[in-house]
N, C-alpha and C. Protein backbone atom coordinates (compact mmCIF):
# COMPACT_ATOMS: atom_id res chain seq x y z
N MET A 1 144.47 113.04 98.16
CA MET A 1 143.37 112.26 97.65
C MET A 1 142.06 112.85 98.16
N THR A 2 141.20 113.31 97.27
CA THR A 2 139.95 113.93 97.70
C THR A 2 138.78 112.98 97.48
N GLY A 3 137.74 113.17 98.30
CA GLY A 3 136.52 112.41 98.13
C GLY A 3 136.49 111.08 98.85
N GLY A 4 137.54 110.68 99.49
CA GLY A 4 137.53 109.42 100.24
C GLY A 4 137.70 108.23 99.32
N PRO A 5 137.67 107.07 99.91
CA PRO A 5 137.85 105.86 99.11
C PRO A 5 136.65 105.63 98.17
N PRO A 6 136.86 104.94 97.06
CA PRO A 6 135.79 104.72 96.09
C PRO A 6 134.57 103.99 96.69
N ARG A 7 134.79 103.10 97.64
CA ARG A 7 133.67 102.35 98.24
C ARG A 7 132.73 103.29 98.97
N HIS A 8 133.28 104.25 99.70
CA HIS A 8 132.47 105.22 100.44
C HIS A 8 131.69 106.11 99.46
N ARG A 9 132.31 106.52 98.38
CA ARG A 9 131.67 107.36 97.39
C ARG A 9 130.49 106.63 96.74
N GLY A 10 130.64 105.35 96.46
CA GLY A 10 129.56 104.55 95.88
C GLY A 10 128.38 104.43 96.83
N THR A 11 128.65 104.29 98.13
CA THR A 11 127.58 104.20 99.12
C THR A 11 126.81 105.51 99.20
N VAL A 12 127.52 106.62 99.15
CA VAL A 12 126.87 107.94 99.19
C VAL A 12 125.97 108.11 97.97
N TRP A 13 126.45 107.73 96.79
CA TRP A 13 125.63 107.83 95.59
C TRP A 13 124.40 106.94 95.68
N PHE A 14 124.58 105.73 96.21
CA PHE A 14 123.45 104.81 96.35
C PHE A 14 122.38 105.39 97.28
N VAL A 15 122.78 105.93 98.41
CA VAL A 15 121.83 106.51 99.36
C VAL A 15 121.16 107.74 98.74
N LEU A 16 121.91 108.56 98.04
CA LEU A 16 121.33 109.74 97.40
C LEU A 16 120.29 109.32 96.35
N CYS A 17 120.61 108.33 95.52
CA CYS A 17 119.65 107.85 94.52
C CYS A 17 118.43 107.24 95.18
N LEU A 18 118.62 106.54 96.29
CA LEU A 18 117.49 105.95 97.01
C LEU A 18 116.57 107.03 97.57
N ILE A 19 117.13 108.09 98.08
CA ILE A 19 116.33 109.20 98.60
C ILE A 19 115.55 109.89 97.46
N LEU A 20 116.22 110.12 96.33
CA LEU A 20 115.55 110.73 95.19
C LEU A 20 114.43 109.83 94.66
N TYR A 21 114.68 108.53 94.61
CA TYR A 21 113.65 107.59 94.16
C TYR A 21 112.47 107.59 95.12
N GLY A 22 112.73 107.63 96.42
CA GLY A 22 111.65 107.70 97.40
C GLY A 22 110.82 108.96 97.23
N GLY A 23 111.47 110.08 96.97
CA GLY A 23 110.76 111.33 96.71
C GLY A 23 109.90 111.25 95.47
N LEU A 24 110.40 110.59 94.43
CA LEU A 24 109.62 110.40 93.21
C LEU A 24 108.39 109.54 93.48
N LEU A 25 108.54 108.48 94.25
CA LEU A 25 107.39 107.62 94.58
C LEU A 25 106.33 108.37 95.37
N VAL A 26 106.74 109.20 96.32
CA VAL A 26 105.77 109.96 97.11
C VAL A 26 105.05 110.98 96.23
N ARG A 27 105.80 111.63 95.34
CA ARG A 27 105.20 112.66 94.50
C ARG A 27 104.22 112.06 93.48
N ALA A 28 104.52 110.87 92.95
CA ALA A 28 103.70 110.26 91.91
C ALA A 28 102.66 109.30 92.47
N ASN A 29 102.54 109.22 93.79
CA ASN A 29 101.60 108.28 94.42
C ASN A 29 100.16 108.73 94.20
N SER A 30 99.27 107.78 94.14
CA SER A 30 97.85 108.07 94.00
C SER A 30 97.13 107.56 95.24
N PHE A 31 96.31 108.39 95.85
CA PHE A 31 95.61 108.03 97.07
C PHE A 31 94.16 107.65 96.76
N THR A 32 93.96 106.87 95.72
CA THR A 32 92.63 106.40 95.34
C THR A 32 92.64 104.89 95.18
N ALA A 33 91.47 104.32 95.06
CA ALA A 33 91.36 102.87 94.88
C ALA A 33 91.92 102.49 93.52
N GLY A 34 92.59 101.35 93.48
CA GLY A 34 93.25 100.94 92.25
C GLY A 34 92.45 99.98 91.39
N GLY A 35 91.35 99.48 91.86
CA GLY A 35 90.58 98.52 91.07
C GLY A 35 89.19 98.35 91.62
N ALA A 36 88.46 97.43 91.03
CA ALA A 36 87.07 97.23 91.43
C ALA A 36 86.95 96.72 92.85
N ASP A 37 87.81 95.79 93.24
CA ASP A 37 87.71 95.21 94.57
C ASP A 37 88.04 96.23 95.66
N SER A 38 89.15 96.93 95.50
CA SER A 38 89.52 97.92 96.52
C SER A 38 88.52 99.07 96.54
N SER A 39 87.96 99.42 95.39
CA SER A 39 86.94 100.47 95.36
C SER A 39 85.69 100.04 96.12
N GLY A 40 85.29 98.78 95.96
CA GLY A 40 84.12 98.28 96.69
C GLY A 40 84.32 98.31 98.19
N TYR A 41 85.50 97.88 98.64
CA TYR A 41 85.78 97.92 100.08
C TYR A 41 85.82 99.35 100.60
N LEU A 42 86.41 100.25 99.83
CA LEU A 42 86.50 101.64 100.29
C LEU A 42 85.14 102.33 100.28
N ASN A 43 84.30 102.03 99.31
CA ASN A 43 82.94 102.61 99.32
C ASN A 43 82.14 102.08 100.51
N ALA A 44 82.28 100.80 100.82
CA ALA A 44 81.60 100.25 101.99
C ALA A 44 82.13 100.91 103.26
N ALA A 45 83.42 101.09 103.35
CA ALA A 45 84.00 101.73 104.53
C ALA A 45 83.53 103.17 104.67
N ARG A 46 83.38 103.86 103.56
CA ARG A 46 82.89 105.25 103.60
C ARG A 46 81.47 105.28 104.18
N LEU A 47 80.63 104.36 103.74
CA LEU A 47 79.27 104.30 104.28
C LEU A 47 79.28 103.97 105.77
N PHE A 48 80.08 102.97 106.17
CA PHE A 48 80.13 102.57 107.58
C PHE A 48 80.68 103.71 108.44
N ALA A 49 81.65 104.45 107.91
CA ALA A 49 82.22 105.58 108.66
C ALA A 49 81.19 106.68 108.88
N GLN A 50 80.21 106.79 107.98
CA GLN A 50 79.14 107.77 108.13
C GLN A 50 77.98 107.22 108.95
N GLY A 51 78.11 105.97 109.42
CA GLY A 51 77.05 105.37 110.23
C GLY A 51 75.88 104.87 109.40
N ARG A 52 76.09 104.60 108.13
CA ARG A 52 75.03 104.12 107.25
C ARG A 52 75.42 102.78 106.66
N VAL A 53 74.42 102.00 106.25
CA VAL A 53 74.69 100.73 105.57
C VAL A 53 74.13 100.72 104.15
N SER A 54 73.44 101.77 103.76
CA SER A 54 72.92 101.87 102.40
C SER A 54 72.91 103.34 101.98
N GLU A 55 72.74 103.55 100.68
CA GLU A 55 72.64 104.93 100.18
C GLU A 55 71.61 105.00 99.06
N ARG A 56 71.09 106.20 98.89
CA ARG A 56 70.07 106.43 97.88
C ARG A 56 70.66 106.36 96.49
N ILE A 57 69.88 105.87 95.56
CA ILE A 57 70.27 105.89 94.14
C ILE A 57 69.75 107.21 93.59
N GLU A 58 70.61 108.20 93.56
CA GLU A 58 70.21 109.58 93.25
C GLU A 58 69.71 109.77 91.83
N ILE A 59 70.23 109.00 90.91
CA ILE A 59 69.87 109.22 89.51
C ILE A 59 68.39 108.92 89.23
N LEU A 60 67.80 108.06 90.04
CA LEU A 60 66.36 107.78 89.85
C LEU A 60 65.54 109.04 90.03
N GLY A 61 65.84 109.79 91.08
CA GLY A 61 65.11 111.04 91.32
C GLY A 61 65.41 112.10 90.28
N ARG A 62 66.67 112.18 89.84
CA ARG A 62 67.04 113.18 88.85
C ARG A 62 66.35 112.97 87.52
N LEU A 63 66.23 111.70 87.14
CA LEU A 63 65.61 111.39 85.84
C LEU A 63 64.11 111.16 85.95
N GLY A 64 63.57 111.20 87.17
CA GLY A 64 62.15 110.99 87.36
C GLY A 64 61.71 109.56 87.06
N LEU A 65 62.59 108.61 87.32
CA LEU A 65 62.28 107.20 87.06
C LEU A 65 61.66 106.54 88.29
N PRO A 66 60.85 105.52 88.10
CA PRO A 66 60.27 104.82 89.26
C PRO A 66 61.35 103.98 89.96
N SER A 67 61.13 103.72 91.23
CA SER A 67 62.11 102.96 92.00
C SER A 67 62.22 101.51 91.54
N SER A 68 61.26 101.04 90.74
CA SER A 68 61.34 99.68 90.20
C SER A 68 62.48 99.54 89.18
N ASP A 69 63.00 100.66 88.69
CA ASP A 69 64.12 100.64 87.74
C ASP A 69 65.49 100.65 88.43
N ARG A 70 65.52 100.49 89.74
CA ARG A 70 66.79 100.63 90.47
C ARG A 70 67.83 99.60 90.04
N ASP A 71 67.39 98.40 89.66
CA ASP A 71 68.36 97.37 89.27
C ASP A 71 69.17 97.77 88.04
N LEU A 72 68.65 98.66 87.24
CA LEU A 72 69.38 99.14 86.07
C LEU A 72 70.55 100.03 86.44
N PHE A 73 70.52 100.59 87.66
CA PHE A 73 71.54 101.55 88.07
C PHE A 73 72.42 101.06 89.22
N LEU A 74 72.34 99.78 89.54
CA LEU A 74 73.18 99.23 90.61
C LEU A 74 74.58 98.96 90.08
N PRO A 75 75.60 99.58 90.68
CA PRO A 75 76.97 99.29 90.23
C PRO A 75 77.42 97.92 90.75
N LEU A 76 78.51 97.42 90.19
CA LEU A 76 79.08 96.16 90.68
C LEU A 76 79.43 96.31 92.15
N GLY A 77 79.20 95.29 92.93
CA GLY A 77 79.53 95.33 94.35
C GLY A 77 78.40 95.86 95.21
N TYR A 78 77.26 96.14 94.63
CA TYR A 78 76.10 96.62 95.38
C TYR A 78 74.91 95.71 95.13
N ARG A 79 74.00 95.69 96.07
CA ARG A 79 72.74 94.94 95.94
C ARG A 79 71.61 95.90 96.29
N PRO A 80 70.37 95.54 95.96
CA PRO A 80 69.25 96.42 96.32
C PRO A 80 69.17 96.60 97.83
N GLY A 81 68.87 97.81 98.27
CA GLY A 81 68.75 98.10 99.69
C GLY A 81 67.38 97.73 100.23
N ALA A 82 67.18 97.99 101.53
CA ALA A 82 65.91 97.65 102.19
C ALA A 82 64.76 98.51 101.67
N ARG A 83 65.03 99.78 101.36
CA ARG A 83 64.01 100.66 100.79
C ARG A 83 64.07 100.60 99.27
N PRO A 84 62.97 100.91 98.59
CA PRO A 84 62.92 100.74 97.13
C PRO A 84 63.95 101.56 96.34
N ASP A 85 64.37 102.72 96.84
CA ASP A 85 65.29 103.55 96.07
C ASP A 85 66.70 103.57 96.65
N THR A 86 67.11 102.49 97.33
CA THR A 86 68.43 102.45 97.95
C THR A 86 69.24 101.25 97.46
N MET A 87 70.55 101.32 97.70
CA MET A 87 71.45 100.22 97.40
C MET A 87 72.40 100.05 98.58
N ALA A 88 72.88 98.83 98.77
CA ALA A 88 73.78 98.50 99.87
C ALA A 88 74.98 97.74 99.33
N PRO A 89 76.17 97.97 99.91
CA PRO A 89 77.35 97.27 99.41
C PRO A 89 77.33 95.78 99.76
N LEU A 90 77.91 94.97 98.89
CA LEU A 90 78.02 93.53 99.13
C LEU A 90 79.23 93.19 99.99
N TYR A 91 80.18 94.10 100.08
CA TYR A 91 81.42 93.83 100.79
C TYR A 91 81.20 93.80 102.30
N PRO A 92 81.74 92.81 102.97
CA PRO A 92 81.55 92.70 104.42
C PRO A 92 82.40 93.72 105.17
N PRO A 93 81.98 94.09 106.37
CA PRO A 93 82.75 95.06 107.16
C PRO A 93 83.86 94.40 107.97
N ALA A 94 84.52 93.38 107.44
CA ALA A 94 85.53 92.63 108.18
C ALA A 94 86.73 93.50 108.57
N CYS A 95 87.19 94.33 107.67
CA CYS A 95 88.36 95.17 107.94
C CYS A 95 87.91 96.60 108.22
N ARG A 96 86.83 96.74 108.91
CA ARG A 96 86.17 98.03 109.07
C ARG A 96 87.10 99.12 109.59
N SER A 97 87.85 98.86 110.66
CA SER A 97 88.65 99.94 111.24
C SER A 97 89.78 100.36 110.32
N THR A 98 90.40 99.42 109.64
CA THR A 98 91.48 99.76 108.71
C THR A 98 90.95 100.55 107.53
N TRP A 99 89.88 100.08 106.91
CA TRP A 99 89.35 100.76 105.74
C TRP A 99 88.71 102.08 106.09
N ARG A 100 88.16 102.20 107.30
CA ARG A 100 87.54 103.47 107.69
C ARG A 100 88.60 104.57 107.74
N ARG A 101 89.79 104.25 108.25
CA ARG A 101 90.85 105.25 108.27
C ARG A 101 91.25 105.65 106.85
N ARG A 102 91.26 104.70 105.93
CA ARG A 102 91.64 104.99 104.56
C ARG A 102 90.53 105.68 103.78
N ALA A 103 89.32 105.61 104.27
CA ALA A 103 88.19 106.22 103.56
C ALA A 103 88.07 107.70 103.86
N ARG A 104 88.97 108.25 104.63
CA ARG A 104 88.93 109.68 104.96
C ARG A 104 90.08 110.39 104.26
N SER A 105 89.83 111.58 103.81
CA SER A 105 90.88 112.35 103.17
C SER A 105 91.74 112.99 104.25
N ARG A 106 92.73 113.70 103.82
CA ARG A 106 93.65 114.31 104.78
C ARG A 106 93.00 115.35 105.68
N ASP A 107 91.94 116.01 105.18
CA ASP A 107 91.28 117.02 106.01
C ASP A 107 90.15 116.42 106.85
N GLY A 108 89.99 115.08 106.83
CA GLY A 108 89.03 114.43 107.70
C GLY A 108 87.64 114.22 107.13
N ARG A 109 87.37 114.78 105.94
CA ARG A 109 86.06 114.58 105.32
C ARG A 109 86.03 113.25 104.58
N PRO A 110 84.87 112.61 104.50
CA PRO A 110 84.78 111.35 103.73
C PRO A 110 85.11 111.58 102.26
N ARG A 111 85.78 110.62 101.65
CA ARG A 111 86.18 110.68 100.26
C ARG A 111 85.25 109.86 99.39
N ARG A 112 85.05 110.27 98.16
CA ARG A 112 84.28 109.49 97.18
C ARG A 112 85.26 108.62 96.40
N PHE A 113 84.85 107.41 96.15
CA PHE A 113 85.69 106.51 95.35
C PHE A 113 84.91 105.98 94.19
C-alpha cells in the first residue's frame, strides 16, 4: 500500500493548498490605502512622520492662481492651513505610531497615498 492512509493524504493536500493560497494572497496584495478614510489617515501619518502638520497646495503656484482660491483645491479630509497657500489634514494623530510605520515604504522613504 503506497501513499499512507487516505486521511493522511487528505491532510497533506489541505496543507499544500493552504500554502499555495497564502502565496497567492501575498503576491496579489496591495500595499496602498483602500479607501478615503484609510487614505486620509495615511496622508496625515506621512505628514507627521516628516515632522509637519500642513503642506503647500502646489497647484496654486503652478497655475499662477491667488492663494484665495485654495478652497477650490482642498481634497476631502483636509482643511485650510495656517498660511494662505497651505492645507492641513482633518484626521487626528490618535494612532500616530501605528500609521507612521505604515506610511513608510520598504526602503524607508515616505510614501504618497
